């Protein structure tokens, strides 16, 4: 994650057309400021266990321990790794944004036992944790959820296995 975020910063891919939270604002001028963009910097996460417990209560599923640690590592607006674009995780807004994605934007996926956490492939599809009827623990496999037909296809055995898999999708020249 840190390596990917550092690469994004070094290639000036840390700009968004939205106001950036002051705690995440980059003090250097944004190269796209005249187009209404602001630059952001990843910062250490302020996510608490209590806030994650609240999110879990809202979606009615526990989150995988590795994903909880991921959310407690850094705040970011964009995180691109391989074909995945993780849902935004800015300070103070992260929980509202994740609830929006999980509950409002992808309710059919959630009803099917899929917890969305990233867009994948740029065509409207997502990566999800598949809670499935046989999942006794929250160490869920990751599935590719097709937005057109609502089918979930196996993608990775776990979140921990997913990150190196996505890194392998990224050409070495880009990292």
Protein backbone atom coordinates (compact mmCIF):
# COMPACT_ATOMS: atom_id res chain seq x y z
CA UNK A 1 0.00 0.00 0.00
CA UNK A 2 2.73 2.48 0.96
CA UNK A 3 4.72 1.67 -2.16
CA UNK A 4 1.68 2.24 -4.34
CA UNK A 5 0.77 5.51 -2.63
CA UNK A 6 4.36 6.73 -2.95
CA UNK A 7 4.33 5.89 -6.66
CA UNK A 8 1.08 7.83 -7.08
CA UNK A 9 2.59 10.87 -5.33
CA UNK A 10 5.76 10.73 -7.42
CA UNK A 11 3.66 10.68 -10.62
CA UNK A 12 1.34 13.48 -9.44
CA UNK A 13 -1.70 11.20 -9.37
CA UNK A 14 -2.81 12.62 -6.02
CA UNK A 15 -5.22 15.29 -7.21
CA UNK A 16 -9.01 15.33 -7.02
CA UNK A 17 -11.67 17.78 -8.24
CA UNK A 18 -13.08 18.09 -4.71
CA UNK A 19 -12.06 20.05 -1.65
CA UNK A 20 -9.34 18.14 0.21
CA UNK A 21 -9.62 17.76 3.97
CA UNK A 22 -7.10 20.20 5.55
CA UNK A 23 -5.30 17.35 7.34
CA UNK A 24 -4.62 15.71 3.96
CA UNK A 25 -3.86 18.85 1.93
CA UNK A 26 -0.57 18.98 0.06
CA UNK A 27 1.33 22.20 0.71
CA UNK A 28 2.82 22.12 -2.80
CA UNK A 29 0.79 23.74 -5.58
CA UNK A 30 -1.40 21.31 -7.49
CA UNK A 31 -0.34 21.03 -11.15
CA UNK A 32 -4.04 20.93 -12.11
CA UNK A 33 -5.26 23.73 -9.80
CA UNK A 34 -6.49 25.85 -12.71
CA UNK A 35 -8.87 23.00 -13.58
CA UNK A 36 -10.29 22.97 -10.03
CA UNK A 37 -8.20 20.12 -8.64
CA UNK A 38 -6.54 19.95 -5.23
CA UNK A 39 -3.61 17.73 -4.27
CA UNK A 40 -3.81 15.41 -1.28
CA UNK A 41 -1.33 13.40 0.74
CA UNK A 42 -1.89 10.04 2.42
CA UNK A 43 -1.76 10.35 6.20
CA UNK A 44 -1.75 7.86 9.08
CA UNK A 45 -5.21 6.49 9.71
CA UNK A 46 -7.34 7.74 12.58
CA UNK A 47 -9.78 4.81 12.28
CA UNK A 48 -10.66 3.25 15.61
CA UNK A 49 -11.87 -0.25 16.39
CA UNK A 50 -15.13 1.30 17.64
CA UNK A 51 -15.68 3.03 14.27
CA UNK A 52 -15.04 -0.24 12.44
CA UNK A 53 -17.43 -2.04 14.79
CA UNK A 54 -20.05 0.59 13.91
CA UNK A 55 -19.51 0.00 10.19
CA UNK A 56 -19.84 -3.74 10.71
CA UNK A 57 -23.11 -3.22 12.59
CA UNK A 58 -24.45 -1.11 9.70
CA UNK A 59 -23.64 -3.72 7.04
CA UNK A 60 -24.49 -6.71 9.29
CA UNK A 61 -21.20 -8.51 8.59
CA UNK A 62 -17.83 -8.57 10.32
CA UNK A 63 -14.93 -7.30 8.21
CA UNK A 64 -11.81 -9.41 7.64
CA UNK A 65 -9.03 -8.65 10.15
CA UNK A 66 -6.59 -7.84 7.31
CA UNK A 67 -9.03 -5.33 5.82
CA UNK A 68 -9.55 -3.72 9.23
CA UNK A 69 -5.75 -3.31 9.50
CA UNK A 70 -5.71 -1.89 5.95
CA UNK A 71 -8.28 0.75 6.94
CA UNK A 72 -6.29 1.54 10.08
CA UNK A 73 -3.04 2.08 8.17
CA UNK A 74 -3.50 5.17 5.95
CA UNK A 75 -6.13 7.63 4.77
CA UNK A 76 -6.24 8.28 1.01
CA UNK A 77 -8.56 9.63 -1.66
CA UNK A 78 -7.35 7.28 -4.39
CA UNK A 79 -5.49 4.00 -4.19
CA UNK A 80 -4.85 2.30 -7.51
CA UNK A 81 -3.28 -1.14 -7.41
CA UNK A 82 -3.38 -3.31 -10.50
CA UNK A 83 -6.90 -3.13 -11.88
CA UNK A 84 -8.37 -2.19 -8.50
CA UNK A 85 -9.37 1.26 -7.36
CA UNK A 86 -10.09 1.05 -3.65
CA UNK A 87 -13.02 3.05 -2.35
CA UNK A 88 -11.88 6.47 -1.05
CA UNK A 89 -10.72 6.50 2.55
CA UNK A 90 -10.27 10.18 3.51
CA UNK A 91 -10.00 11.30 7.10
CA UNK A 92 -13.35 12.13 8.75
CA UNK A 93 -15.37 10.99 5.70
CA UNK A 94 -14.24 7.40 5.27
CA UNK A 95 -17.09 5.76 7.17
CA UNK A 96 -19.78 7.76 5.37
CA UNK A 97 -18.20 6.97 1.98
CA UNK A 98 -17.88 3.25 2.71
CA UNK A 99 -21.46 3.08 3.96
CA UNK A 100 -22.57 4.85 0.76
CA UNK A 101 -20.70 2.36 -1.42
CA UNK A 102 -21.72 -0.73 0.53
CA UNK A 103 -25.32 0.11 1.43
CA UNK A 104 -26.56 2.57 -1.21
CA UNK A 105 -24.47 2.02 -4.34
CA UNK A 106 -24.22 -1.78 -4.13
CA UNK A 107 -27.24 -3.03 -2.12
CA UNK A 108 -27.80 -6.04 -4.39
CA UNK A 109 -24.19 -7.16 -3.86
CA UNK A 110 -24.53 -6.80 -0.10
CA UNK A 111 -27.84 -8.72 -0.11
CA UNK A 112 -26.03 -11.49 -2.01
CA UNK A 113 -23.44 -11.69 0.79
CA UNK A 114 -20.80 -9.63 -1.04
CA UNK A 115 -19.17 -6.74 0.84
CA UNK A 116 -17.85 -4.27 -1.79
CA UNK A 117 -14.50 -2.54 -1.19
CA UNK A 118 -13.01 -1.59 -4.59
CA UNK A 119 -13.91 -0.87 -8.19
CA UNK A 120 -12.19 -3.22 -10.61
CA UNK A 121 -11.34 -2.94 -14.28
CA UNK A 122 -12.87 0.48 -14.89
CA UNK A 123 -16.12 -0.91 -16.34
CA UNK A 124 -18.41 -0.65 -13.30
CA UNK A 125 -17.50 -3.98 -11.70
CA UNK A 126 -16.30 -4.38 -8.13
CA UNK A 127 -14.24 -6.53 -5.82
CA UNK A 128 -16.04 -7.84 -2.75
CA UNK A 129 -15.57 -10.08 0.22
CA UNK A 130 -17.85 -13.08 -0.23
CA UNK A 131 -19.41 -13.92 3.11
CA UNK A 132 -21.20 -16.98 1.71
CA UNK A 133 -23.17 -19.51 3.70
CA UNK A 134 -20.08 -21.60 4.50
CA UNK A 135 -17.89 -18.77 5.81
CA UNK A 136 -17.56 -19.39 9.56
CA UNK A 137 -14.93 -16.67 10.00
CA UNK A 138 -14.53 -13.21 8.54
CA UNK A 139 -11.49 -14.30 6.52
CA UNK A 140 -13.62 -14.20 3.39
CA UNK A 141 -12.48 -14.94 -0.14
CA UNK A 142 -12.48 -12.04 -2.57
CA UNK A 143 -14.81 -12.20 -5.55
CA UNK A 144 -15.22 -10.21 -8.75
CA UNK A 145 -18.81 -8.94 -8.87
CA UNK A 146 -20.18 -8.27 -12.35
CA UNK A 147 -22.43 -5.21 -12.26
CA UNK A 148 -24.43 -6.33 -15.29
CA UNK A 149 -25.56 -9.78 -14.21
CA UNK A 150 -24.86 -9.71 -10.46
CA UNK A 151 -22.70 -12.81 -10.61
CA UNK A 152 -19.75 -13.21 -8.27
CA UNK A 153 -16.71 -15.06 -9.55
CA UNK A 154 -13.77 -16.23 -7.40
CA UNK A 155 -10.87 -13.79 -7.56
CA UNK A 156 -8.54 -14.31 -4.57
CA UNK A 157 -8.59 -16.58 -1.51
CA UNK A 158 -8.36 -13.65 0.94
CA UNK A 159 -7.62 -9.95 1.29
CA UNK A 160 -4.07 -10.77 2.40
CA UNK A 161 -3.54 -12.78 -0.81
CA UNK A 162 -5.23 -10.09 -2.92
CA UNK A 163 -2.70 -7.30 -2.40
CA UNK A 164 0.32 -9.20 -3.81
CA UNK A 165 -1.94 -10.46 -6.62
CA UNK A 166 -2.88 -6.89 -7.55
CA UNK A 167 0.74 -5.79 -7.27
CA UNK A 168 1.68 -8.56 -9.72
CA UNK A 169 -0.88 -7.10 -12.19
CA UNK A 170 1.00 -3.81 -12.11
CA UNK A 171 3.88 -3.58 -14.62
CA UNK A 172 7.23 -3.22 -12.84
CA UNK A 173 7.92 0.00 -14.76
CA UNK A 174 4.88 1.52 -13.07
CA UNK A 175 6.11 0.86 -9.56
